[in-house]
Amino acid sequence: MRIVLNIKELLEEGKINQGEYDNLYSLSKNQTGSLALNLLVGFGIIMVCLGVITLTQSASTGLIMGLLTFLIGLFVKFRGNKEWSVLSSCCSISGILIFLGGMNMWLFEAYESDTDFLLLANYSQILTTVILIASSVFLMSNILAALSTLSIAYLTGAGTSYFTGSYTLSVSSPVITIVIFSALAFFLYYLSRSILSRYENILITGSRTSILVANFGFWVGSLWGGGEELEVSPELISIAWALALVGFAVWGWRANRRWVVTVSSIFGAIHFYTQWFTILEMEPASVVIGGVIAIGIGICIKRLDSTMKAK
């Protein structure tokens, strides 16, 4: 179990003496140095792998280097001590991602000429999702758990893109995305509190990522409606989103879940401003009034967070 303490503040408040402060401070410096060494070695291994892949420009090289990096991580995990845990995680997770990149390159090189592109992309994404889920459970990795959820989102039609100076978020089927990821969030949360409690951390990470994806579905749906499959008006989705955020925030408050209350507040503000400027447009008066409301919302969130800390 990891506990975060502000030892300088504890010393000033008289809760620890100077000797205890010096001892804890020396331990923290040792851990900081160990972390820096782990990261340096880990990034060095990853850069070597990426350099070799770039030089060869071969999908098979990506597969081999990814697998090799993953095996190095496993070797350090089972043969090393706790001081090298960061290096183990760095190599294992990076190895999985490099392997997936090489795998997808190999699939498209091998079958692109004989297979429909969209069908091949779906098969590739399904295989990627399965590997991410399995590796997140095996490595108990929160990063891979979050990526697994985002990979599922891609299968439902969500995605991002970039072009010069701009980033875009797309959700082709907002209602389907909302339903699937709302259900997934509750399901993963239920599992984390019951039969699979040993996997609580990665299940909670998956649940939280699902909540974010569901809110993005609400956001896009509140502007463009339910998508081609389901013709639901933006107004209806806007109302449903507001009610869902209020209900979610109330549950978080009663269960003393600060993350839930914070996320509900953030997306509540996003929802408010999205509708505010959609209706009133970017007029000077609406911007001023919106800024005043933003200050009020910020003060309320701060007070609410302080209250929950005390609770």
C-alpha atoms as a PDB file:
ATOM      1  CA  MET A   1       0.000   0.000   0.000  1.00  0.00           C
ATOM      2  CA  ARG A   2       1.315   3.438  -0.972  1.00  0.00           C
ATOM      3  CA  ILE A   3       0.717   6.401   1.371  1.00  0.00           C
ATOM      4  CA  VAL A   4       1.503   9.982   0.352  1.00  0.00           C
ATOM      5  CA  LEU A   5       2.605  12.324   3.146  1.00  0.00           C
ATOM      6  CA  ASN A   6       3.818  15.919   3.153  1.00  0.00           C
ATOM      7  CA  ILE A   7       6.627  15.453   5.665  1.00  0.00           C
ATOM      8  CA  LYS A   8       7.598  19.145   5.670  1.00  0.00           C
ATOM      9  CA  GLU A   9       4.074  20.068   6.679  1.00  0.00           C
ATOM     10  CA  LEU A  10       4.059  17.335   9.325  1.00  0.00           C
ATOM     11  CA  LEU A  11       7.313  18.710  10.744  1.00  0.00           C
ATOM     12  CA  GLU A  12       5.944  22.258  10.868  1.00  0.00           C
ATOM     13  CA  GLU A  13       2.812  21.042  12.638  1.00  0.00           C
ATOM     14  CA  GLY A  14       4.906  19.152  15.197  1.00  0.00           C
ATOM     15  CA  LYS A  15       3.531  15.737  14.260  1.00  0.00           C
ATOM     16  CA  ILE A  16       7.038  14.392  13.576  1.00  0.00           C
ATOM     17  CA  ASN A  17      10.405  15.469  14.959  1.00  0.00           C
ATOM     18  CA  GLN A  18      13.535  16.530  13.057  1.00  0.00           C
ATOM     19  CA  GLY A  19      15.096  13.070  13.285  1.00  0.00           C
ATOM     20  CA  GLU A  20      12.031  11.393  11.792  1.00  0.00           C
ATOM     21  CA  TYR A  21      11.907  14.060   9.079  1.00  0.00           C
ATOM     22  CA  ASP A  22      15.568  13.472   8.144  1.00  0.00           C
ATOM     23  CA  ASN A  23      15.040   9.705   8.025  1.00  0.00           C
ATOM     24  CA  LEU A  24      11.951   9.921   5.826  1.00  0.00           C
ATOM     25  CA  TYR A  25      13.614  12.496   3.591  1.00  0.00           C
ATOM     26  CA  SER A  26      16.646  10.262   3.032  1.00  0.00           C
ATOM     27  CA  LEU A  27      14.361   7.372   2.109  1.00  0.00           C
ATOM     28  CA  SER A  28      12.490   9.543  -0.374  1.00  0.00           C
ATOM     29  CA  LYS A  29      15.760  10.554  -2.064  1.00  0.00           C
ATOM     30  CA  ASN A  30      16.738   6.901  -2.433  1.00  0.00           C
ATOM     31  CA  GLN A  31      13.375   6.105  -4.013  1.00  0.00           C
ATOM     32  CA  THR A  32      13.632   9.112  -6.335  1.00  0.00           C
ATOM     33  CA  GLY A  33      17.073   8.017  -7.510  1.00  0.00           C
ATOM     34  CA  SER A  34      15.844   4.466  -8.050  1.00  0.00           C
ATOM     35  CA  LEU A  35      12.870   5.727 -10.045  1.00  0.00           C
ATOM     36  CA  ALA A  36      15.107   7.893 -12.243  1.00  0.00           C
ATOM     37  CA  LEU A  37      17.392   4.910 -12.948  1.00  0.00           C
ATOM     38  CA  ASN A  38      14.398   2.696 -13.774  1.00  0.00           C
ATOM     39  CA  LEU A  39      13.006   5.239 -16.203  1.00  0.00           C
ATOM     40  CA  LEU A  40      16.379   5.900 -17.824  1.00  0.00           C
ATOM     41  CA  VAL A  41      17.047   2.206 -18.471  1.00  0.00           C
ATOM     42  CA  GLY A  42      13.453   1.588 -19.549  1.00  0.00           C
ATOM     43  CA  PHE A  43      13.389   4.441 -22.040  1.00  0.00           C
ATOM     44  CA  GLY A  44      16.790   3.354 -23.324  1.00  0.00           C
ATOM     45  CA  ILE A  45      15.480  -0.145 -24.088  1.00  0.00           C
ATOM     46  CA  ILE A  46      12.366   1.254 -25.756  1.00  0.00           C
ATOM     47  CA  MET A  47      14.366   3.694 -27.901  1.00  0.00           C
ATOM     48  CA  VAL A  48      16.663   0.892 -29.069  1.00  0.00           C
ATOM     49  CA  CYS A  49      13.630  -1.173 -30.103  1.00  0.00           C
ATOM     50  CA  LEU A  50      11.996   1.719 -31.941  1.00  0.00           C
ATOM     51  CA  GLY A  51      15.287   2.563 -33.628  1.00  0.00           C
ATOM     52  CA  VAL A  52      15.711  -0.988 -34.923  1.00  0.00           C
ATOM     53  CA  ILE A  53      12.119  -1.025 -36.192  1.00  0.00           C
ATOM     54  CA  THR A  54      12.637   2.309 -37.964  1.00  0.00           C
ATOM     55  CA  LEU A  55      15.829   1.099 -39.607  1.00  0.00           C
ATOM     56  CA  THR A  56      14.321  -2.152 -40.884  1.00  0.00           C
ATOM     57  CA  GLN A  57      10.796  -0.800 -41.535  1.00  0.00           C
ATOM     58  CA  SER A  58       9.494  -4.323 -41.176  1.00  0.00           C
ATOM     59  CA  ALA A  59       6.356  -5.553 -39.429  1.00  0.00           C
ATOM     60  CA  SER A  60       8.089  -8.762 -38.384  1.00  0.00           C
ATOM     61  CA  THR A  61      10.782  -6.703 -36.666  1.00  0.00           C
ATOM     62  CA  GLY A  62       8.049  -4.907 -34.716  1.00  0.00           C
ATOM     63  CA  LEU A  63       6.628  -8.249 -33.604  1.00  0.00           C
ATOM     64  CA  ILE A  64      10.026  -9.561 -32.528  1.00  0.00           C
ATOM     65  CA  MET A  65      11.162  -6.402 -30.751  1.00  0.00           C
ATOM     66  CA  GLY A  66       7.816  -6.040 -28.994  1.00  0.00           C
ATOM     67  CA  LEU A  67       7.937  -9.617 -27.780  1.00  0.00           C
ATOM     68  CA  LEU A  68      11.571  -9.227 -26.706  1.00  0.00           C
ATOM     69  CA  THR A  69      10.807  -6.040 -24.734  1.00  0.00           C
ATOM     70  CA  PHE A  70       7.849  -7.760 -23.066  1.00  0.00           C
ATOM     71  CA  LEU A  71      10.015 -10.740 -22.076  1.00  0.00           C
ATOM     72  CA  ILE A  72      12.647  -8.405 -20.613  1.00  0.00           C
ATOM     73  CA  GLY A  73       9.924  -6.863 -18.489  1.00  0.00           C
ATOM     74  CA  LEU A  74       8.755 -10.268 -17.289  1.00  0.00           C
ATOM     75  CA  PHE A  75      12.319 -11.337 -16.502  1.00  0.00           C
ATOM     76  CA  VAL A  76      12.894  -8.223 -14.394  1.00  0.00           C
ATOM     77  CA  LYS A  77       9.520  -8.719 -12.685  1.00  0.00           C
ATOM     78  CA  PHE A  78      10.153 -12.290 -11.581  1.00  0.00           C
ATOM     79  CA  ARG A  79      13.926 -12.233 -11.090  1.00  0.00           C
ATOM     80  CA  GLY A  80      14.530  -8.683  -9.883  1.00  0.00           C
ATOM     81  CA  ASN A  81      13.563  -6.941  -6.648  1.00  0.00           C
ATOM     82  CA  LYS A  82      11.006  -4.226  -5.929  1.00  0.00           C
ATOM     83  CA  GLU A  83      13.469  -1.474  -6.837  1.00  0.00           C
ATOM     84  CA  TRP A  84      13.163  -2.519 -10.483  1.00  0.00           C
ATOM     85  CA  SER A  85       9.337  -2.692 -10.569  1.00  0.00           C
ATOM     86  CA  VAL A  86       9.045   0.502 -12.621  1.00  0.00           C
ATOM     87  CA  LEU A  87      11.482  -0.866 -15.222  1.00  0.00           C
ATOM     88  CA  SER A  88       9.475  -4.095 -15.358  1.00  0.00           C
ATOM     89  CA  SER A  89       6.199  -2.244 -15.930  1.00  0.00           C
ATOM     90  CA  CYS A  90       7.773   0.103 -18.475  1.00  0.00           C
ATOM     91  CA  CYS A  91       9.191  -2.735 -20.562  1.00  0.00           C
ATOM     92  CA  SER A  92       6.146  -5.012 -20.261  1.00  0.00           C
ATOM     93  CA  ILE A  93       3.591  -2.381 -21.248  1.00  0.00           C
ATOM     94  CA  SER A  94       5.764  -0.922 -24.014  1.00  0.00           C
ATOM     95  CA  GLY A  95       6.447  -4.422 -25.317  1.00  0.00           C
ATOM     96  CA  ILE A  96       2.727  -5.114 -25.613  1.00  0.00           C
ATOM     97  CA  LEU A  97       2.118  -1.855 -27.478  1.00  0.00           C
ATOM     98  CA  ILE A  98       5.076  -2.356 -29.838  1.00  0.00           C
ATOM     99  CA  PHE A  99       3.923  -5.926 -30.503  1.00  0.00           C
ATOM    100  CA  LEU A 100       0.394  -4.713 -31.308  1.00  0.00           C
ATOM    101  CA  GLY A 101       1.778  -2.123 -33.709  1.00  0.00           C
ATOM    102  CA  GLY A 102       3.856  -4.776 -35.478  1.00  0.00           C
ATOM    103  CA  MET A 103       0.909  -7.187 -35.525  1.00  0.00           C
ATOM    104  CA  ASN A 104      -1.402  -4.687 -37.189  1.00  0.00           C
ATOM    105  CA  MET A 105       1.255  -3.772 -39.744  1.00  0.00           C
ATOM    106  CA  TRP A 106       1.786  -7.456 -40.531  1.00  0.00           C
ATOM    107  CA  LEU A 107      -1.953  -8.137 -40.906  1.00  0.00           C
ATOM    108  CA  PHE A 108      -2.426  -5.308 -43.377  1.00  0.00           C
ATOM    109  CA  GLU A 109       0.703  -6.214 -45.332  1.00  0.00           C
ATOM    110  CA  ALA A 110      -0.305  -9.882 -45.555  1.00  0.00           C
ATOM    111  CA  TYR A 111      -4.036  -9.610 -46.275  1.00  0.00           C
ATOM    112  CA  GLU A 112      -4.754  -6.151 -47.624  1.00  0.00           C
ATOM    113  CA  SER A 113      -4.815  -7.310 -51.254  1.00  0.00           C
ATOM    114  CA  ASP A 114      -7.183 -10.238 -50.572  1.00  0.00           C
ATOM    115  CA  THR A 115      -9.550  -8.821 -47.952  1.00  0.00           C
ATOM    116  CA  ASP A 116     -12.001  -5.955 -47.705  1.00  0.00           C
ATOM    117  CA  PHE A 117     -10.206  -3.102 -45.910  1.00  0.00           C
ATOM    118  CA  LEU A 118     -13.042  -2.331 -43.457  1.00  0.00           C
ATOM    119  CA  LEU A 119     -13.478  -5.994 -42.553  1.00  0.00           C
ATOM    120  CA  LEU A 120      -9.739  -6.393 -42.002  1.00  0.00           C
ATOM    121  CA  ALA A 121      -9.654  -3.269 -39.830  1.00  0.00           C
ATOM    122  CA  ASN A 122     -12.473  -4.660 -37.663  1.00  0.00           C
ATOM    123  CA  TYR A 123     -10.761  -8.028 -37.250  1.00  0.00           C
ATOM    124  CA  SER A 124      -7.506  -6.287 -36.400  1.00  0.00           C
ATOM    125  CA  GLN A 125      -9.221  -4.069 -33.799  1.00  0.00           C
ATOM    126  CA  ILE A 126     -11.024  -7.014 -32.197  1.00  0.00           C
ATOM    127  CA  LEU A 127      -7.745  -8.918 -31.888  1.00  0.00           C
ATOM    128  CA  THR A 128      -6.043  -5.817 -30.475  1.00  0.00           C
ATOM    129  CA  THR A 129      -8.823  -5.415 -27.891  1.00  0.00           C
ATOM    130  CA  VAL A 130      -8.599  -9.042 -26.780  1.00  0.00           C
ATOM    131  CA  ILE A 131      -4.815  -8.826 -26.352  1.00  0.00           C
ATOM    132  CA  LEU A 132      -5.103  -5.569 -24.392  1.00  0.00           C
ATOM    133  CA  ILE A 133      -7.722  -7.029 -22.043  1.00  0.00           C
ATOM    134  CA  ALA A 134      -5.725 -10.217 -21.460  1.00  0.00           C
ATOM    135  CA  SER A 135      -2.449  -8.350 -20.906  1.00  0.00           C
ATOM    136  CA  SER A 136      -4.070  -5.825 -18.529  1.00  0.00           C
ATOM    137  CA  VAL A 137      -5.300  -8.709 -16.353  1.00  0.00           C
ATOM    138  CA  PHE A 138      -1.992 -10.575 -16.529  1.00  0.00           C
ATOM    139  CA  LEU A 139       0.136  -7.518 -15.738  1.00  0.00           C
ATOM    140  CA  MET A 140      -2.468  -5.872 -13.460  1.00  0.00           C
ATOM    141  CA  SER A 141      -1.886  -2.698 -15.489  1.00  0.00           C
ATOM    142  CA  ASN A 142      -4.219   0.285 -15.176  1.00  0.00           C
ATOM    143  CA  ILE A 143      -2.777   1.801 -18.357  1.00  0.00           C
ATOM    144  CA  LEU A 144      -3.639  -1.274 -20.416  1.00  0.00           C
ATOM    145  CA  ALA A 145      -7.066  -1.476 -18.745  1.00  0.00           C
ATOM    146  CA  ALA A 146      -7.824   2.077 -19.886  1.00  0.00           C
ATOM    147  CA  LEU A 147      -6.521   1.338 -23.393  1.00  0.00           C
ATOM    148  CA  SER A 148      -8.692  -1.804 -23.503  1.00  0.00           C
ATOM    149  CA  THR A 149     -11.791   0.277 -22.842  1.00  0.00           C
ATOM    150  CA  LEU A 150     -10.805   2.848 -25.459  1.00  0.00           C
ATOM    151  CA  SER A 151     -10.206   0.019 -27.928  1.00  0.00           C
ATOM    152  CA  ILE A 152     -13.768  -1.194 -27.322  1.00  0.00           C
ATOM    153  CA  ALA A 153     -14.953   2.376 -27.925  1.00  0.00           C
ATOM    154  CA  TYR A 154     -13.251   2.316 -31.320  1.00  0.00           C
ATOM    155  CA  LEU A 155     -15.265  -0.785 -32.219  1.00  0.00           C
ATOM    156  CA  THR A 156     -18.501   1.105 -31.503  1.00  0.00           C
ATOM    157  CA  GLY A 157     -17.571   3.928 -33.848  1.00  0.00           C
ATOM    158  CA  ALA A 158     -15.796   6.361 -31.539  1.00  0.00           C
ATOM    159  CA  GLY A 159     -12.409   7.783 -32.424  1.00  0.00           C
ATOM    160  CA  THR A 160     -10.116  10.772 -32.673  1.00  0.00           C
ATOM    161  CA  SER A 161      -8.222  12.390 -35.503  1.00  0.00           C
ATOM    162  CA  TYR A 162      -5.694  15.132 -36.044  1.00  0.00           C
ATOM    163  CA  PHE A 163      -5.007  17.599 -38.800  1.00  0.00           C
ATOM    164  CA  THR A 164      -2.899  20.740 -38.823  1.00  0.00           C
ATOM    165  CA  GLY A 165      -3.499  22.581 -35.585  1.00  0.00           C
ATOM    166  CA  SER A 166      -6.734  20.732 -34.781  1.00  0.00           C
ATOM    167  CA  TYR A 167      -7.858  17.650 -32.881  1.00  0.00           C
ATOM    168  CA  THR A 168     -11.279  16.113 -33.387  1.00  0.00           C
ATOM    169  CA  LEU A 169     -13.418  13.704 -31.366  1.00  0.00           C
ATOM    170  CA  SER A 170     -15.938  11.575 -33.247  1.00  0.00           C
ATOM    171  CA  VAL A 171     -18.756   9.363 -31.968  1.00  0.00           C
ATOM    172  CA  SER A 172     -20.713   7.970 -34.909  1.00  0.00           C
ATOM    173  CA  SER A 173     -23.422   6.316 -32.776  1.00  0.00           C
ATOM    174  CA  PRO A 174     -23.907   8.407 -29.604  1.00  0.00           C
ATOM    175  CA  VAL A 175     -26.903   6.503 -28.189  1.00  0.00           C
ATOM    176  CA  ILE A 176     -25.277   3.108 -28.721  1.00  0.00           C
ATOM    177  CA  THR A 177     -22.055   4.410 -27.158  1.00  0.00           C
ATOM    178  CA  ILE A 178     -23.966   5.800 -24.169  1.00  0.00           C
ATOM    179  CA  VAL A 179     -25.859   2.567 -23.543  1.00  0.00           C
ATOM    180  CA  ILE A 180     -22.880   0.231 -23.975  1.00  0.00           C
ATOM    181  CA  PHE A 181     -20.419   2.183 -21.861  1.00  0.00           C
ATOM    182  CA  SER A 182     -22.899   3.104 -19.142  1.00  0.00           C
ATOM    183  CA  ALA A 183     -23.685  -0.599 -18.752  1.00  0.00           C
ATOM    184  CA  LEU A 184     -19.980  -1.490 -18.915  1.00  0.00           C
ATOM    185  CA  ALA A 185     -19.126   1.085 -16.239  1.00  0.00           C
ATOM    186  CA  PHE A 186     -21.695  -0.313 -13.804  1.00  0.00           C
ATOM    187  CA  PHE A 187     -20.768  -3.918 -14.628  1.00  0.00           C
ATOM    188  CA  LEU A 188     -17.049  -3.389 -14.020  1.00  0.00           C
ATOM    189  CA  TYR A 189     -17.768  -1.467 -10.817  1.00  0.00           C
ATOM    190  CA  TYR A 190     -19.985  -4.328  -9.597  1.00  0.00           C
ATOM    191  CA  LEU A 191     -17.238  -6.861 -10.333  1.00  0.00           C
ATOM    192  CA  SER A 192     -14.667  -4.762  -8.481  1.00  0.00           C
ATOM    193  CA  ARG A 193     -16.850  -4.771  -5.363  1.00  0.00           C
ATOM    194  CA  SER A 194     -17.709  -8.464  -5.406  1.00  0.00           C
ATOM    195  CA  ILE A 195     -16.321 -11.627  -6.943  1.00  0.00           C
ATOM    196  CA  LEU A 196     -13.243 -10.115  -8.587  1.00  0.00           C
ATOM    197  CA  SER A 197     -12.092  -7.803  -5.799  1.00  0.00           C
ATOM    198  CA  ARG A 198      -8.454  -8.856  -6.310  1.00  0.00           C
ATOM    199  CA  TYR A 199      -8.615  -7.079  -9.661  1.00  0.00           C
ATOM    200  CA  GLU A 200     -10.237  -4.003  -8.108  1.00  0.00           C
ATOM    201  CA  ASN A 201      -7.724  -1.447  -9.425  1.00  0.00           C
ATOM    202  CA  ILE A 202      -7.908  -2.404 -13.097  1.00  0.00           C
ATOM    203  CA  LEU A 203     -11.679  -2.898 -12.954  1.00  0.00           C
ATOM    204  CA  ILE A 204     -12.169   0.541 -11.415  1.00  0.00           C
ATOM    205  CA  THR A 205      -9.895   2.015 -14.109  1.00  0.00           C
ATOM    206  CA  GLY A 206     -11.982   0.343 -16.805  1.00  0.00           C
ATOM    207  CA  SER A 207     -15.173   1.570 -15.155  1.00  0.00           C
ATOM    208  CA  ARG A 208     -13.920   5.146 -14.946  1.00  0.00           C
ATOM    209  CA  THR A 209     -12.744   5.115 -18.558  1.00  0.00           C
ATOM    210  CA  SER A 210     -16.169   3.805 -19.588  1.00  0.00           C
ATOM    211  CA  ILE A 211     -17.795   6.714 -17.750  1.00  0.00           C
ATOM    212  CA  LEU A 212     -15.625   9.167 -19.692  1.00  0.00           C
ATOM    213  CA  VAL A 213     -16.516   7.521 -23.016  1.00  0.00           C
ATOM    214  CA  ALA A 214     -20.234   7.533 -22.135  1.00  0.00           C
ATOM    215  CA  ASN A 215     -20.042  11.258 -21.345  1.00  0.00           C
ATOM    216  CA  PHE A 216     -18.326  11.921 -24.672  1.00  0.00           C
ATOM    217  CA  GLY A 217     -21.235  10.073 -26.299  1.00  0.00           C
ATOM    218  CA  PHE A 218     -23.667  12.342 -24.456  1.00  0.00           C
ATOM    219  CA  TRP A 219     -21.652  15.403 -25.501  1.00  0.00           C
ATOM    220  CA  VAL A 220     -21.680  14.587 -29.204  1.00  0.00           C
ATOM    221  CA  GLY A 221     -25.301  13.439 -29.031  1.00  0.00           C
ATOM    222  CA  SER A 222     -26.396  16.686 -27.381  1.00  0.00           C
ATOM    223  CA  LEU A 223     -25.174  18.498 -30.500  1.00  0.00           C
ATOM    224  CA  TRP A 224     -25.940  16.113 -33.363  1.00  0.00           C
ATOM    225  CA  GLY A 225     -28.536  13.650 -32.078  1.00  0.00           C
ATOM    226  CA  GLY A 226     -28.472   9.866 -31.809  1.00  0.00           C
ATOM    227  CA  GLY A 227     -26.732   9.045 -35.073  1.00  0.00           C
ATOM    228  CA  GLU A 228     -27.826   7.286 -38.252  1.00  0.00           C
ATOM    229  CA  GLU A 229     -28.967   4.083 -36.526  1.00  0.00           C
ATOM    230  CA  LEU A 230     -31.217   5.776 -33.953  1.00  0.00           C
ATOM    231  CA  GLU A 231     -32.896   9.081 -34.747  1.00  0.00           C
ATOM    232  CA  VAL A 232     -32.973  10.715 -31.314  1.00  0.00           C
ATOM    233  CA  SER A 233     -33.168  14.485 -31.054  1.00  0.00           C
ATOM    234  CA  PRO A 234     -30.269  16.454 -29.538  1.00  0.00           C
ATOM    235  CA  GLU A 235     -32.697  18.076 -27.091  1.00  0.00           C
ATOM    236  CA  LEU A 236     -33.737  14.714 -25.667  1.00  0.00           C
ATOM    237  CA  ILE A 237     -30.123  13.610 -25.262  1.00  0.00           C
ATOM    238  CA  SER A 238     -29.282  16.953 -23.605  1.00  0.00           C
ATOM    239  CA  ILE A 239     -32.032  16.463 -21.032  1.00  0.00           C
ATOM    240  CA  ALA A 240     -31.030  12.843 -20.425  1.00  0.00           C
ATOM    241  CA  TRP A 241     -27.395  13.892 -19.964  1.00  0.00           C
ATOM    242  CA  ALA A 242     -28.320  16.550 -17.408  1.00  0.00           C
ATOM    243  CA  LEU A 243     -30.447  14.098 -15.420  1.00  0.00           C
ATOM    244  CA  ALA A 244     -27.738  11.428 -15.587  1.00  0.00           C
ATOM    245  CA  LEU A 245     -25.083  13.842 -14.316  1.00  0.00           C
ATOM    246  CA  VAL A 246     -27.260  14.974 -11.427  1.00  0.00           C
ATOM    247  CA  GLY A 247     -28.096  11.400 -10.444  1.00  0.00           C
ATOM    248  CA  PHE A 248     -24.468  10.325 -10.764  1.00  0.00           C
ATOM    249  CA  ALA A 249     -23.264  13.258  -8.649  1.00  0.00           C
ATOM    250  CA  VAL A 250     -25.839  12.550  -5.920  1.00  0.00           C
ATOM    251  CA  TRP A 251     -24.775   8.907  -5.779  1.00  0.00           C
ATOM    252  CA  GLY A 252     -21.116   9.945  -5.613  1.00  0.00           C
ATOM    253  CA  TRP A 253     -21.869  12.353  -2.781  1.00  0.00           C
ATOM    254  CA  ARG A 254     -23.720   9.733  -0.738  1.00  0.00           C
ATOM    255  CA  ALA A 255     -21.056   7.082  -1.387  1.00  0.00           C
ATOM    256  CA  ASN A 256     -18.237   9.578  -0.658  1.00  0.00           C
ATOM    257  CA  ARG A 257     -16.746   9.088  -4.135  1.00  0.00           C
ATOM    258  CA  ARG A 258     -14.803  12.276  -4.838  1.00  0.00           C
ATOM    259  CA  TRP A 259     -13.824  11.193  -8.354  1.00  0.00           C
ATOM    260  CA  VAL A 260     -17.480  10.696  -9.281  1.00  0.00           C
ATOM    261  CA  VAL A 261     -18.496  14.107  -7.959  1.00  0.00           C
ATOM    262  CA  THR A 262     -15.549  15.813  -9.673  1.00  0.00           C
ATOM    263  CA  VAL A 263     -16.218  14.188 -13.052  1.00  0.00           C
ATOM    264  CA  SER A 264     -19.940  14.958 -12.792  1.00  0.00           C
ATOM    265  CA  SER A 265     -19.106  18.591 -12.047  1.00  0.00           C
ATOM    266  CA  ILE A 266     -16.650  18.865 -14.940  1.00  0.00           C
ATOM    267  CA  PHE A 267     -18.987  17.337 -17.507  1.00  0.00           C
ATOM    268  CA  GLY A 268     -21.861  19.314 -16.029  1.00  0.00           C
ATOM    269  CA  ALA A 269     -19.899  22.479 -16.757  1.00  0.00           C
ATOM    270  CA  ILE A 270     -19.050  21.222 -20.262  1.00  0.00           C
ATOM    271  CA  HIS A 271     -22.715  20.441 -20.876  1.00  0.00           C
ATOM    272  CA  PHE A 272     -23.810  23.842 -19.594  1.00  0.00           C
ATOM    273  CA  TYR A 273     -21.362  25.801 -21.744  1.00  0.00           C
ATOM    274  CA  THR A 274     -22.009  23.678 -24.813  1.00  0.00           C
ATOM    275  CA  GLN A 275     -25.716  24.453 -24.658  1.00  0.00           C
ATOM    276  CA  TRP A 276     -25.108  28.042 -23.527  1.00  0.00           C
ATOM    277  CA  PHE A 277     -22.972  29.007 -26.515  1.00  0.00           C
ATOM    278  CA  THR A 278     -24.990  26.874 -28.938  1.00  0.00           C
ATOM    279  CA  ILE A 279     -28.111  28.847 -28.072  1.00  0.00           C
ATOM    280  CA  LEU A 280     -26.615  32.291 -27.387  1.00  0.00           C
ATOM    281  CA  GLU A 281     -23.590  31.988 -29.706  1.00  0.00           C
ATOM    282  CA  MET A 282     -20.248  33.700 -29.039  1.00  0.00           C
ATOM    283  CA  GLU A 283     -21.525  37.167 -28.255  1.00  0.00           C
ATOM    284  CA  PRO A 284     -19.538  39.471 -25.882  1.00  0.00           C
ATOM    285  CA  ALA A 285     -22.358  39.577 -23.326  1.00  0.00           C
ATOM    286  CA  SER A 286     -22.764  35.785 -23.293  1.00  0.00           C
ATOM    287  CA  VAL A 287     -19.008  35.351 -22.815  1.00  0.00           C
ATOM    288  CA  VAL A 288     -18.972  37.735 -19.829  1.00  0.00           C
ATOM    289  CA  ILE A 289     -21.980  36.101 -18.202  1.00  0.00           C
ATOM    290  CA  GLY A 290     -20.532  32.663 -18.900  1.00  0.00           C
ATOM    291  CA  GLY A 291     -17.257  33.667 -17.256  1.00  0.00           C
ATOM    292  CA  VAL A 292     -19.051  34.868 -14.123  1.00  0.00           C
ATOM    293  CA  ILE A 293     -20.967  31.596 -13.940  1.00  0.00           C
ATOM    294  CA  ALA A 294     -17.687  29.670 -14.402  1.00  0.00           C
ATOM    295  CA  ILE A 295     -16.198  31.430 -11.363  1.00  0.00           C
ATOM    296  CA  GLY A 296     -19.272  30.517  -9.323  1.00  0.00           C
ATOM    297  CA  ILE A 297     -19.127  26.891 -10.442  1.00  0.00           C
ATOM    298  CA  GLY A 298     -15.423  26.726  -9.570  1.00  0.00           C
ATOM    299  CA  ILE A 299     -16.028  28.070  -6.052  1.00  0.00           C
ATOM    300  CA  CYS A 300     -18.865  25.582  -5.511  1.00  0.00           C
ATOM    301  CA  ILE A 301     -16.717  22.650  -6.687  1.00  0.00           C
ATOM    302  CA  LYS A 302     -13.881  23.739  -4.377  1.00  0.00           C
ATOM    303  CA  ARG A 303     -16.186  23.951  -1.366  1.00  0.00           C
ATOM    304  CA  LEU A 304     -17.774  20.621  -2.226  1.00  0.00           C
ATOM    305  CA  ASP A 305     -14.376  18.965  -2.564  1.00  0.00           C
ATOM    306  CA  SER A 306     -13.252  20.405   0.795  1.00  0.00           C
ATOM    307  CA  THR A 307     -16.436  19.103   2.421  1.00  0.00           C
ATOM    308  CA  MET A 308     -15.870  15.622   1.001  1.00  0.00           C
ATOM    309  CA  LYS A 309     -12.253  15.642   2.194  1.00  0.00           C
ATOM    310  CA  ALA A 310     -13.442  16.422   5.719  1.00  0.00           C
ATOM    311  CA  LYS A 311     -16.079  13.712   5.431  1.00  0.00           C
END
